[in-house]
Amino acid sequence: MIRVDALWLSTRPLDMRAGTETILSQVVRVFGEAKPHQAYLFANRRGNRLKVLVHDGYGVWLASRRLNQGRFQLRIGEGHVALTRPQFDALILGLPWERLADGGVIRLL
């Protein structure tokens, strides 16, 4: 399996026709560099497709995910967000991943 130590989500929409080289250049533009063992996620403007680029230390892997119904829960902007593994798992299922930021702690009834 590919080791992934950090997950990053770009809040800038990406044209899903982009290939590996274009997305790698976008990673450098948005994140400053492509670090080994880190994954970089990009979504399209409609929010129904994701592409993830993973640098494994030797090369890069590119994968995509498409929802047949609904949309990924995303915020559109000009920056990026660090994701935890539970947030990533929720995001790729189309669930509201931002609610997991505090570990699901209930503070108010």
N, C-alpha and C. Protein backbone atom coordinates (compact mmCIF):
# COMPACT_ATOMS: atom_id res chain seq x y z
N MET A 1 0.83 -1.18 0.00
CA MET A 1 0.00 0.00 0.00
C MET A 1 0.88 1.25 0.00
N ILE A 2 0.32 2.32 -0.47
CA ILE A 2 1.02 3.60 -0.52
C ILE A 2 0.89 4.28 0.84
N ARG A 3 2.00 4.69 1.41
CA ARG A 3 1.99 5.39 2.69
C ARG A 3 1.61 6.85 2.47
N VAL A 4 0.61 7.31 3.23
CA VAL A 4 0.18 8.71 3.17
C VAL A 4 0.19 9.26 4.59
N ASP A 5 1.08 10.22 4.82
CA ASP A 5 1.22 10.81 6.15
C ASP A 5 0.38 12.07 6.33
N ALA A 6 0.05 12.75 5.25
CA ALA A 6 -0.74 13.98 5.34
C ALA A 6 -1.67 14.08 4.13
N LEU A 7 -2.86 14.61 4.38
CA LEU A 7 -3.88 14.79 3.34
C LEU A 7 -4.22 16.27 3.24
N TRP A 8 -4.23 16.77 2.03
CA TRP A 8 -4.51 18.19 1.78
C TRP A 8 -5.62 18.34 0.77
N LEU A 9 -6.54 19.25 1.03
CA LEU A 9 -7.64 19.54 0.11
C LEU A 9 -7.49 20.96 -0.40
N SER A 10 -7.43 21.10 -1.72
CA SER A 10 -7.42 22.43 -2.32
C SER A 10 -8.85 22.93 -2.38
N THR A 11 -9.07 24.18 -1.99
CA THR A 11 -10.41 24.76 -2.09
C THR A 11 -10.61 25.47 -3.42
N ARG A 12 -9.60 25.44 -4.27
CA ARG A 12 -9.68 26.02 -5.61
C ARG A 12 -10.17 24.94 -6.57
N PRO A 13 -11.25 25.18 -7.33
CA PRO A 13 -11.76 24.14 -8.25
C PRO A 13 -10.76 23.81 -9.36
N LEU A 14 -10.85 22.57 -9.85
CA LEU A 14 -9.93 22.08 -10.88
C LEU A 14 -10.73 21.52 -12.05
N ASP A 15 -10.26 21.77 -13.25
CA ASP A 15 -10.84 21.17 -14.45
C ASP A 15 -10.49 19.69 -14.44
N MET A 16 -11.48 18.82 -14.42
CA MET A 16 -11.25 17.39 -14.30
C MET A 16 -10.64 16.75 -15.55
N ARG A 17 -10.48 17.51 -16.61
CA ARG A 17 -9.77 16.99 -17.78
C ARG A 17 -8.26 17.00 -17.56
N ALA A 18 -7.81 17.65 -16.49
CA ALA A 18 -6.39 17.77 -16.19
C ALA A 18 -5.78 16.40 -15.91
N GLY A 19 -4.57 16.21 -16.43
CA GLY A 19 -3.84 14.97 -16.22
C GLY A 19 -2.80 15.13 -15.11
N THR A 20 -1.95 14.14 -15.00
CA THR A 20 -0.97 14.09 -13.93
C THR A 20 -0.06 15.31 -13.90
N GLU A 21 0.50 15.68 -15.04
CA GLU A 21 1.45 16.81 -15.06
C GLU A 21 0.77 18.12 -14.70
N THR A 22 -0.44 18.33 -15.21
CA THR A 22 -1.17 19.56 -14.91
C THR A 22 -1.53 19.64 -13.43
N ILE A 23 -1.96 18.51 -12.88
CA ILE A 23 -2.33 18.51 -11.46
C ILE A 23 -1.09 18.65 -10.59
N LEU A 24 0.01 18.06 -10.98
CA LEU A 24 1.26 18.23 -10.24
C LEU A 24 1.69 19.70 -10.23
N SER A 25 1.55 20.38 -11.35
CA SER A 25 1.89 21.81 -11.38
C SER A 25 0.92 22.61 -10.51
N GLN A 26 -0.34 22.18 -10.45
CA GLN A 26 -1.32 22.84 -9.59
C GLN A 26 -0.97 22.61 -8.11
N VAL A 27 -0.48 21.43 -7.76
CA VAL A 27 -0.04 21.14 -6.39
C VAL A 27 1.08 22.11 -6.01
N VAL A 28 2.05 22.27 -6.89
CA VAL A 28 3.16 23.18 -6.61
C VAL A 28 2.66 24.61 -6.49
N ARG A 29 1.70 25.01 -7.33
CA ARG A 29 1.16 26.36 -7.29
C ARG A 29 0.38 26.62 -6.00
N VAL A 30 -0.47 25.67 -5.59
CA VAL A 30 -1.34 25.87 -4.43
C VAL A 30 -0.61 25.59 -3.11
N PHE A 31 0.17 24.50 -3.07
CA PHE A 31 0.78 24.05 -1.82
C PHE A 31 2.26 24.41 -1.69
N GLY A 32 2.87 24.90 -2.76
CA GLY A 32 4.27 25.30 -2.71
C GLY A 32 5.23 24.22 -3.15
N GLU A 33 4.88 22.95 -2.92
CA GLU A 33 5.71 21.81 -3.31
C GLU A 33 4.91 20.53 -3.13
N ALA A 34 5.34 19.48 -3.77
CA ALA A 34 4.73 18.17 -3.62
C ALA A 34 5.65 17.33 -2.74
N LYS A 35 5.27 17.13 -1.50
CA LYS A 35 6.12 16.40 -0.55
C LYS A 35 5.85 14.90 -0.62
N PRO A 36 6.88 14.09 -0.42
CA PRO A 36 6.67 12.65 -0.41
C PRO A 36 5.72 12.21 0.70
N HIS A 37 4.93 11.19 0.41
CA HIS A 37 3.99 10.59 1.36
C HIS A 37 2.88 11.55 1.77
N GLN A 38 2.51 12.42 0.83
CA GLN A 38 1.39 13.32 1.06
C GLN A 38 0.44 13.22 -0.12
N ALA A 39 -0.86 13.38 0.17
CA ALA A 39 -1.90 13.30 -0.85
C ALA A 39 -2.55 14.68 -0.99
N TYR A 40 -2.84 15.03 -2.23
CA TYR A 40 -3.42 16.34 -2.55
C TYR A 40 -4.72 16.12 -3.31
N LEU A 41 -5.83 16.61 -2.75
CA LEU A 41 -7.14 16.42 -3.35
C LEU A 41 -7.62 17.70 -4.02
N PHE A 42 -8.27 17.51 -5.17
CA PHE A 42 -8.86 18.62 -5.92
C PHE A 42 -10.26 18.20 -6.35
N ALA A 43 -11.18 19.15 -6.36
CA ALA A 43 -12.55 18.89 -6.80
C ALA A 43 -12.90 19.80 -7.96
N ASN A 44 -13.91 19.40 -8.73
CA ASN A 44 -14.39 20.27 -9.79
C ASN A 44 -15.36 21.30 -9.21
N ARG A 45 -15.73 22.27 -10.02
CA ARG A 45 -16.60 23.36 -9.56
C ARG A 45 -17.97 22.85 -9.12
N ARG A 46 -18.51 21.83 -9.81
CA ARG A 46 -19.83 21.29 -9.46
C ARG A 46 -19.81 20.45 -8.20
N GLY A 47 -18.62 20.00 -7.80
CA GLY A 47 -18.50 19.25 -6.55
C GLY A 47 -18.90 17.79 -6.63
N ASN A 48 -18.94 17.23 -7.84
CA ASN A 48 -19.31 15.82 -7.95
C ASN A 48 -18.13 14.93 -8.35
N ARG A 49 -16.96 15.50 -8.53
CA ARG A 49 -15.75 14.74 -8.88
C ARG A 49 -14.57 15.20 -8.05
N LEU A 50 -13.72 14.23 -7.69
CA LEU A 50 -12.48 14.50 -6.97
C LEU A 50 -11.33 13.82 -7.70
N LYS A 51 -10.17 14.44 -7.65
CA LYS A 51 -8.94 13.80 -8.09
C LYS A 51 -7.95 13.93 -6.95
N VAL A 52 -7.18 12.87 -6.73
CA VAL A 52 -6.17 12.88 -5.69
C VAL A 52 -4.83 12.49 -6.30
N LEU A 53 -3.84 13.30 -6.01
CA LEU A 53 -2.48 13.04 -6.46
C LEU A 53 -1.66 12.68 -5.22
N VAL A 54 -0.99 11.55 -5.26
CA VAL A 54 -0.17 11.09 -4.13
C VAL A 54 1.27 10.96 -4.59
N HIS A 55 2.16 11.57 -3.83
CA HIS A 55 3.60 11.45 -4.10
C HIS A 55 4.12 10.37 -3.16
N ASP A 56 4.59 9.24 -3.70
CA ASP A 56 5.02 8.12 -2.86
C ASP A 56 6.52 8.12 -2.56
N GLY A 57 7.22 9.15 -2.95
CA GLY A 57 8.65 9.22 -2.73
C GLY A 57 9.46 8.86 -3.96
N TYR A 58 8.85 8.14 -4.89
CA TYR A 58 9.51 7.73 -6.13
C TYR A 58 8.84 8.31 -7.37
N GLY A 59 7.56 8.51 -7.29
CA GLY A 59 6.77 9.01 -8.41
C GLY A 59 5.43 9.49 -7.87
N VAL A 60 4.50 9.72 -8.77
CA VAL A 60 3.19 10.19 -8.35
C VAL A 60 2.10 9.24 -8.85
N TRP A 61 1.04 9.15 -8.09
CA TRP A 61 -0.14 8.38 -8.42
C TRP A 61 -1.31 9.36 -8.57
N LEU A 62 -2.18 9.09 -9.51
CA LEU A 62 -3.36 9.94 -9.70
C LEU A 62 -4.59 9.04 -9.73
N ALA A 63 -5.57 9.38 -8.91
CA ALA A 63 -6.82 8.63 -8.86
C ALA A 63 -7.98 9.62 -8.89
N SER A 64 -9.14 9.13 -9.31
CA SER A 64 -10.31 10.01 -9.35
C SER A 64 -11.51 9.29 -8.73
N ARG A 65 -12.47 10.09 -8.28
CA ARG A 65 -13.71 9.57 -7.71
C ARG A 65 -14.83 10.45 -8.20
N ARG A 66 -15.94 9.80 -8.55
CA ARG A 66 -17.12 10.51 -9.03
C ARG A 66 -18.33 10.02 -8.26
N LEU A 67 -19.16 10.95 -7.80
CA LEU A 67 -20.41 10.58 -7.16
C LEU A 67 -21.50 10.52 -8.22
N ASN A 68 -22.28 9.46 -8.21
CA ASN A 68 -23.39 9.35 -9.15
C ASN A 68 -24.56 10.23 -8.73
N GLN A 69 -24.72 10.42 -7.43
CA GLN A 69 -25.77 11.30 -6.91
C GLN A 69 -25.16 12.18 -5.83
N GLY A 70 -25.67 13.37 -5.72
CA GLY A 70 -25.21 14.28 -4.69
C GLY A 70 -23.89 14.95 -5.05
N ARG A 71 -23.32 15.60 -4.05
CA ARG A 71 -22.08 16.35 -4.23
C ARG A 71 -21.19 16.14 -3.02
N PHE A 72 -19.89 16.32 -3.26
CA PHE A 72 -18.96 16.33 -2.14
C PHE A 72 -19.17 17.61 -1.36
N GLN A 73 -19.05 17.54 -0.05
CA GLN A 73 -19.23 18.70 0.82
C GLN A 73 -17.93 19.51 0.82
N LEU A 74 -17.90 20.57 0.02
CA LEU A 74 -16.68 21.35 -0.17
C LEU A 74 -16.94 22.82 0.07
N ARG A 75 -15.88 23.52 0.40
CA ARG A 75 -15.96 24.99 0.41
C ARG A 75 -15.02 25.48 -0.70
N ILE A 76 -15.50 26.40 -1.47
CA ILE A 76 -14.73 26.93 -2.59
C ILE A 76 -14.02 28.20 -2.14
N GLY A 77 -12.76 28.33 -2.50
CA GLY A 77 -11.98 29.50 -2.13
C GLY A 77 -10.67 29.52 -2.89
N GLU A 78 -9.66 30.10 -2.30
CA GLU A 78 -8.36 30.23 -2.95
C GLU A 78 -7.24 29.54 -2.19
N GLY A 79 -7.56 28.79 -1.16
CA GLY A 79 -6.50 28.21 -0.35
C GLY A 79 -6.53 26.70 -0.31
N HIS A 80 -6.15 26.17 0.85
CA HIS A 80 -6.16 24.73 1.04
C HIS A 80 -6.40 24.42 2.51
N VAL A 81 -6.80 23.16 2.77
CA VAL A 81 -7.16 22.71 4.11
C VAL A 81 -6.47 21.38 4.39
N ALA A 82 -5.91 21.23 5.58
CA ALA A 82 -5.36 19.94 6.00
C ALA A 82 -6.52 19.07 6.48
N LEU A 83 -6.49 17.80 6.09
CA LEU A 83 -7.54 16.86 6.48
C LEU A 83 -6.97 15.78 7.39
N THR A 84 -7.78 15.35 8.34
CA THR A 84 -7.44 14.16 9.12
C THR A 84 -7.95 12.95 8.34
N ARG A 85 -7.51 11.77 8.72
CA ARG A 85 -7.97 10.56 8.03
C ARG A 85 -9.50 10.38 8.15
N PRO A 86 -10.11 10.59 9.33
CA PRO A 86 -11.58 10.49 9.39
C PRO A 86 -12.29 11.53 8.51
N GLN A 87 -11.73 12.74 8.43
CA GLN A 87 -12.31 13.76 7.55
C GLN A 87 -12.22 13.33 6.09
N PHE A 88 -11.08 12.79 5.69
CA PHE A 88 -10.90 12.29 4.32
C PHE A 88 -11.90 11.18 4.02
N ASP A 89 -12.04 10.24 4.94
CA ASP A 89 -12.99 9.14 4.75
C ASP A 89 -14.41 9.65 4.56
N ALA A 90 -14.80 10.64 5.36
CA ALA A 90 -16.14 11.23 5.23
C ALA A 90 -16.28 11.99 3.92
N LEU A 91 -15.26 12.76 3.56
CA LEU A 91 -15.30 13.56 2.33
C LEU A 91 -15.51 12.70 1.10
N ILE A 92 -14.76 11.62 0.96
CA ILE A 92 -14.87 10.82 -0.26
C ILE A 92 -16.19 10.06 -0.33
N LEU A 93 -16.91 9.96 0.79
CA LEU A 93 -18.25 9.36 0.77
C LEU A 93 -19.34 10.40 0.52
N GLY A 94 -18.94 11.68 0.49
CA GLY A 94 -19.91 12.75 0.28
C GLY A 94 -20.56 13.23 1.56
N LEU A 95 -20.00 12.88 2.70
CA LEU A 95 -20.54 13.27 3.99
C LEU A 95 -19.97 14.60 4.44
N PRO A 96 -20.62 15.27 5.39
CA PRO A 96 -20.13 16.57 5.87
C PRO A 96 -18.88 16.41 6.75
N TRP A 97 -17.74 16.39 6.12
CA TRP A 97 -16.46 16.11 6.78
C TRP A 97 -16.03 17.19 7.77
N GLU A 98 -16.45 18.42 7.57
CA GLU A 98 -16.02 19.52 8.45
C GLU A 98 -16.59 19.38 9.86
N ARG A 99 -17.64 18.63 10.01
CA ARG A 99 -18.22 18.41 11.33
C ARG A 99 -17.37 17.48 12.19
N LEU A 100 -16.44 16.78 11.58
CA LEU A 100 -15.57 15.86 12.31
C LEU A 100 -14.34 16.54 12.88
N ALA A 101 -14.19 17.83 12.69
CA ALA A 101 -12.98 18.54 13.10
C ALA A 101 -12.68 18.39 14.58
N ASP A 102 -13.70 18.33 15.42
CA ASP A 102 -13.47 18.24 16.86
C ASP A 102 -13.62 16.81 17.38
N GLY A 103 -13.64 15.82 16.51
CA GLY A 103 -13.73 14.44 16.93
C GLY A 103 -15.14 14.01 17.31
N GLY A 104 -16.15 14.79 16.96
CA GLY A 104 -17.53 14.41 17.24
C GLY A 104 -17.97 14.75 18.66
N VAL A 105 -17.25 15.62 19.35
CA VAL A 105 -17.59 15.99 20.72
C VAL A 105 -18.87 16.81 20.71
N ILE A 106 -19.81 16.46 21.62
CA ILE A 106 -21.07 17.21 21.77
C ILE A 106 -20.88 18.22 22.89
N ARG A 107 -21.10 19.48 22.57
CA ARG A 107 -20.89 20.53 23.56
C ARG A 107 -22.18 21.27 23.91
N LEU A 108 -23.20 21.14 23.11
CA LEU A 108 -24.42 21.92 23.31
C LEU A 108 -25.63 21.05 22.99
N LEU A 109 -26.62 21.06 23.87
CA LEU A 109 -27.87 20.32 23.63
C LEU A 109 -28.99 21.28 23.31
